[in-house]
Protein backbone atom coordinates (compact mmCIF):
# COMPACT_ATOMS: atom_id res chain seq x y z
CA MET A 1 -13.46 -1.91 -8.69
CA GLU A 2 -13.20 -5.16 -6.75
CA VAL A 3 -10.63 -5.62 -4.01
CA LYS A 4 -9.16 -8.92 -3.04
CA SER A 5 -6.96 -9.00 0.10
CA PHE A 6 -4.27 -11.54 1.04
CA THR A 7 -2.41 -11.58 4.35
CA PHE A 8 1.17 -12.71 3.67
CA ASN A 9 4.59 -13.21 5.30
CA PRO A 10 5.63 -13.21 8.98
CA PHE A 11 4.66 -9.54 9.32
CA GLU A 12 1.04 -10.32 8.37
CA GLU A 13 1.01 -7.70 5.56
CA ASN A 14 -2.01 -7.11 3.35
CA THR A 15 -1.38 -7.61 -0.37
CA TYR A 16 -4.13 -6.46 -2.69
CA VAL A 17 -5.37 -7.36 -6.13
CA LEU A 18 -7.57 -4.67 -7.67
CA TYR A 19 -9.65 -5.58 -10.71
CA ASP A 20 -12.79 -4.64 -12.60
CA GLU A 21 -15.18 -5.98 -15.26
CA THR A 22 -12.51 -5.81 -17.95
CA ALA A 23 -10.44 -8.44 -16.06
CA GLU A 24 -7.42 -6.17 -16.02
CA CYS A 25 -5.90 -5.91 -12.56
CA ALA A 26 -3.26 -4.13 -10.51
CA ILE A 27 -1.22 -5.89 -7.84
CA VAL A 28 -0.50 -3.67 -4.82
CA ASP A 29 2.28 -4.22 -2.25
CA PRO A 30 3.01 -7.88 -3.04
CA GLY A 31 4.25 -9.35 0.19
CA CYS A 32 4.04 -13.06 -0.77
CA TYR A 33 7.11 -14.61 0.87
CA ASP A 34 7.18 -18.33 0.37
CA ARG A 35 6.14 -20.67 -2.42
CA ALA A 36 2.72 -21.36 -0.88
CA GLU A 37 1.89 -17.64 -0.71
CA LYS A 38 3.07 -17.04 -4.27
CA THR A 39 0.94 -19.97 -5.42
CA GLN A 40 -2.07 -18.57 -3.57
CA LEU A 41 -1.73 -15.23 -5.36
CA LYS A 42 -1.20 -16.85 -8.72
CA GLU A 43 -4.12 -19.24 -8.34
CA PHE A 44 -6.51 -16.44 -7.50
CA ILE A 45 -5.46 -14.51 -10.59
CA GLN A 46 -5.81 -17.58 -12.75
CA SER A 47 -9.17 -18.68 -11.33
CA HIS A 48 -10.66 -15.23 -11.96
CA HIS A 49 -9.10 -15.02 -15.44
CA LEU A 50 -7.40 -11.73 -14.57
CA LYS A 51 -4.68 -9.99 -16.55
CA PRO A 52 -2.17 -8.17 -14.33
CA VAL A 53 -1.15 -4.89 -15.98
CA ARG A 54 0.19 -2.78 -13.10
CA LEU A 55 2.47 -3.43 -10.13
CA ILE A 56 2.23 -0.53 -7.68
CA ASN A 57 3.52 -0.06 -4.15
CA THR A 58 2.37 2.32 -1.40
CA HIS A 59 5.89 2.20 0.04
CA CYS A 60 8.88 -0.12 0.10
CA HIS A 61 9.35 -1.47 3.59
CA ILE A 62 10.44 -5.09 3.44
CA ASP A 63 7.09 -6.62 4.33
CA HIS A 64 5.52 -4.94 1.33
CA VAL A 65 8.11 -5.93 -1.27
CA PHE A 66 8.91 -9.66 -0.72
CA GLY A 67 6.83 -10.65 -3.73
CA ILE A 68 8.00 -8.00 -6.16
CA PRO A 69 10.60 -10.23 -7.97
CA PHE A 70 8.00 -12.99 -8.33
CA VAL A 71 5.32 -10.70 -9.71
CA CYS A 72 7.77 -9.00 -12.11
CA GLU A 73 8.96 -12.33 -13.50
CA GLU A 74 5.59 -14.06 -13.54
CA TYR A 75 3.64 -11.31 -15.25
CA GLY A 76 6.29 -9.29 -17.03
CA LEU A 77 5.51 -6.16 -14.98
CA LYS A 78 7.69 -3.26 -13.88
CA LEU A 79 7.46 -1.88 -10.37
CA GLU A 80 5.97 1.61 -9.95
CA ILE A 81 6.67 3.60 -6.75
CA HIS A 82 7.21 7.17 -5.63
CA LYS A 83 10.78 8.18 -6.39
CA GLY A 84 11.34 9.01 -2.70
CA GLU A 85 10.90 5.34 -1.83
CA LEU A 86 13.86 4.24 -3.95
CA ILE A 87 16.23 4.55 -0.98
CA VAL A 88 13.98 2.24 1.06
CA LEU A 89 13.78 -0.26 -1.75
CA LYS A 90 17.60 -0.34 -1.97
CA PHE A 91 17.74 -1.10 1.78
CA THR A 92 15.82 -4.36 1.37
CA ASP A 93 18.86 -6.65 1.71
CA GLN A 94 19.95 -4.98 5.00
CA ALA A 95 16.37 -5.01 6.30
CA GLY A 96 16.15 -8.69 5.60
CA MET A 97 19.27 -9.37 7.64
CA MET A 98 17.98 -7.13 10.45
CA PHE A 99 14.64 -8.93 10.75
CA GLY A 100 15.85 -12.42 9.90
CA THR A 101 13.70 -12.56 6.80
CA PRO A 102 16.01 -12.63 3.80
CA ALA A 103 14.54 -11.22 0.53
CA GLU A 104 15.28 -11.79 -3.09
CA PRO A 105 17.20 -9.04 -4.97
CA MET A 106 14.86 -6.25 -5.87
CA PRO A 107 14.50 -5.13 -9.52
CA GLU A 108 14.90 -1.45 -10.50
CA PRO A 109 11.54 0.34 -10.75
CA GLY A 110 10.16 0.75 -14.21
CA GLY A 111 8.52 4.11 -13.43
CA PHE A 112 7.78 6.60 -10.69
CA LEU A 113 4.40 7.86 -9.41
CA ASP A 114 3.45 11.24 -8.01
CA GLU A 115 0.27 13.11 -7.11
CA VAL A 116 -0.14 14.49 -10.62
CA ASP A 117 -0.45 10.90 -12.00
CA ILE A 118 -3.47 8.69 -12.33
CA VAL A 119 -3.03 4.91 -12.18
CA LYS A 120 -5.27 3.39 -14.87
CA PHE A 121 -6.19 -0.20 -15.63
CA GLY A 122 -9.29 -1.46 -17.34
CA ASN A 123 -12.06 1.05 -16.55
CA THR A 124 -10.55 1.96 -13.21
CA GLU A 125 -8.70 5.12 -12.23
CA LEU A 126 -6.74 5.58 -8.97
CA GLU A 127 -5.77 8.96 -7.70
CA ILE A 128 -2.47 9.21 -5.87
CA LEU A 129 -2.24 10.89 -2.48
CA PHE A 130 1.29 11.79 -1.21
CA THR A 131 1.34 10.78 2.47
CA PRO A 132 4.85 10.63 3.90
CA GLY A 133 5.57 10.08 7.60
CA HIS A 134 5.55 6.31 7.98
CA SER A 135 8.16 6.14 5.31
CA PRO A 136 9.86 8.92 3.31
CA ALA A 137 7.44 8.96 0.42
CA SER A 138 4.43 6.79 1.12
CA ILE A 139 1.51 7.14 -1.21
CA CYS A 140 -2.12 6.04 -1.00
CA PHE A 141 -4.31 5.03 -3.90
CA TYR A 142 -7.85 6.44 -3.96
CA GLU A 143 -10.63 5.14 -6.22
CA LYS A 144 -12.99 8.09 -6.15
CA ALA A 145 -15.75 6.39 -8.15
CA ASN A 146 -16.50 3.84 -5.43
CA LYS A 147 -14.84 5.63 -2.54
CA GLN A 148 -12.14 3.06 -1.79
CA LEU A 149 -8.70 3.87 -0.39
CA ILE A 150 -5.58 1.68 -0.34
CA SER A 151 -3.79 3.32 2.61
CA GLY A 152 -0.61 1.28 2.94
CA ASP A 153 0.80 1.75 6.46
CA VAL A 154 -0.38 5.34 6.82
CA LEU A 155 -3.73 4.64 8.52
CA PHE A 156 -5.02 1.50 10.28
CA ARG A 157 -8.12 0.56 12.19
CA ASP A 158 -7.72 2.38 15.53
CA SER A 159 -4.05 3.06 14.79
CA ILE A 160 -1.46 4.63 12.52
CA GLY A 161 1.83 3.54 10.93
CA ARG A 162 4.92 3.38 13.08
CA THR A 163 7.32 6.29 12.74
CA ASP A 164 10.45 4.87 14.39
CA LEU A 165 11.96 3.41 11.18
CA PRO A 166 14.42 5.35 9.02
CA GLY A 167 12.62 8.16 7.23
CA GLY A 168 9.65 8.07 9.58
CA ASP A 169 8.37 11.18 11.36
CA TYR A 170 5.30 11.37 13.62
CA GLU A 171 4.35 14.98 12.90
CA THR A 172 4.75 14.47 9.16
CA LEU A 173 2.53 11.38 9.30
CA MET A 174 -0.21 13.12 11.28
CA LYS A 175 -0.22 16.02 8.86
CA SER A 176 -0.53 13.57 5.96
CA ILE A 177 -3.50 11.88 7.62
CA PHE A 178 -5.27 15.16 8.40
CA ASN A 179 -4.49 16.99 5.17
CA LYS A 180 -4.89 14.10 2.69
CA LEU A 181 -7.08 11.40 4.23
CA LEU A 182 -9.45 13.04 6.68
CA VAL A 183 -10.64 15.47 3.95
CA LEU A 184 -12.27 12.47 2.28
CA ASP A 185 -15.86 11.48 2.94
CA ASP A 186 -16.72 9.47 6.08
CA ASN A 187 -17.96 6.51 4.03
CA VAL A 188 -14.69 6.01 2.19
CA LYS A 189 -13.64 2.42 2.79
CA VAL A 190 -10.01 2.04 3.89
CA TYR A 191 -7.92 -1.03 2.96
CA PRO A 192 -4.79 -0.80 5.13
CA GLY A 193 -1.42 -2.49 4.88
CA HIS A 194 -2.10 -4.56 8.01
CA MET A 195 -5.18 -5.65 9.97
CA ASP A 196 -8.83 -5.20 8.99
CA THR A 197 -10.61 -2.71 6.80
CA THR A 198 -12.13 0.47 8.27
CA THR A 199 -13.66 3.74 7.08
CA ILE A 200 -12.55 7.33 7.21
CA GLY A 201 -15.56 8.14 9.42
CA GLU A 202 -14.77 5.40 11.93
CA GLU A 203 -11.18 6.59 12.25
CA ARG A 204 -12.22 10.20 12.54
CA ARG A 205 -14.54 9.30 15.48
CA LYS A 206 -12.53 6.59 17.27
CA ASN A 207 -8.86 6.52 16.35
CA PRO A 208 -6.98 7.55 19.51
CA PHE A 209 -4.04 9.03 17.60
CA ILE A 210 -6.34 11.17 15.50
CA LEU A 211 -8.39 12.29 18.48
CA GLU A 212 -5.26 13.23 20.46
CA TRP A 213 -3.77 15.17 17.58
CA ALA A 214 -7.06 16.95 16.94
CA GLY A 215 -7.34 17.90 20.54
CA ARG A 216 -3.83 19.27 20.60
CA ALA A 217 -4.48 21.29 17.45
CA GLY A 218 -7.83 22.48 18.78
CA ARG A 219 -9.76 20.98 15.91
């Protein structure tokens, strides 16, 4: 699986296009905000002759959903999220007013994802890891074959997702990280919702939040 990253909108969010040799692709967390960003996403897909077949979100905070209406209309896709994120998606209008970044009306999801599901496109399969704490029902997408993880805002390079937004909880987030992510191999590459890529091993060794929590738990 190939991973293409775009950094979009005033929150500098990472949008991903995942694709393989079949040219089918999945669009993850489309945060494209203005016309130029939407054009950038569209031109990449066109230039690589890709066929978008899935629209999936790790969670539904405003910076990760700006581009959902565009992607749905442009490619005829339906949004897929964890059902627990529906309340966050419905808060998009209010969040836009709070942050001064108005968003287009959000479409209703076309389906819901949970840990028992596998996201398939082309020859690629993504496992779903339920990782709440940053938001009520964040999920991560793990491609086991090539050890690649789309972590959303759960885990960052040297940091973790904030927990001061509605539905966030620090203890829940740390348990998600330890129970779902740190059980993966050290060489798993992590593609986060903001900032640069990292690996599970790097975060296990250097992430101050992980080290502090491990010390407190006597791990």
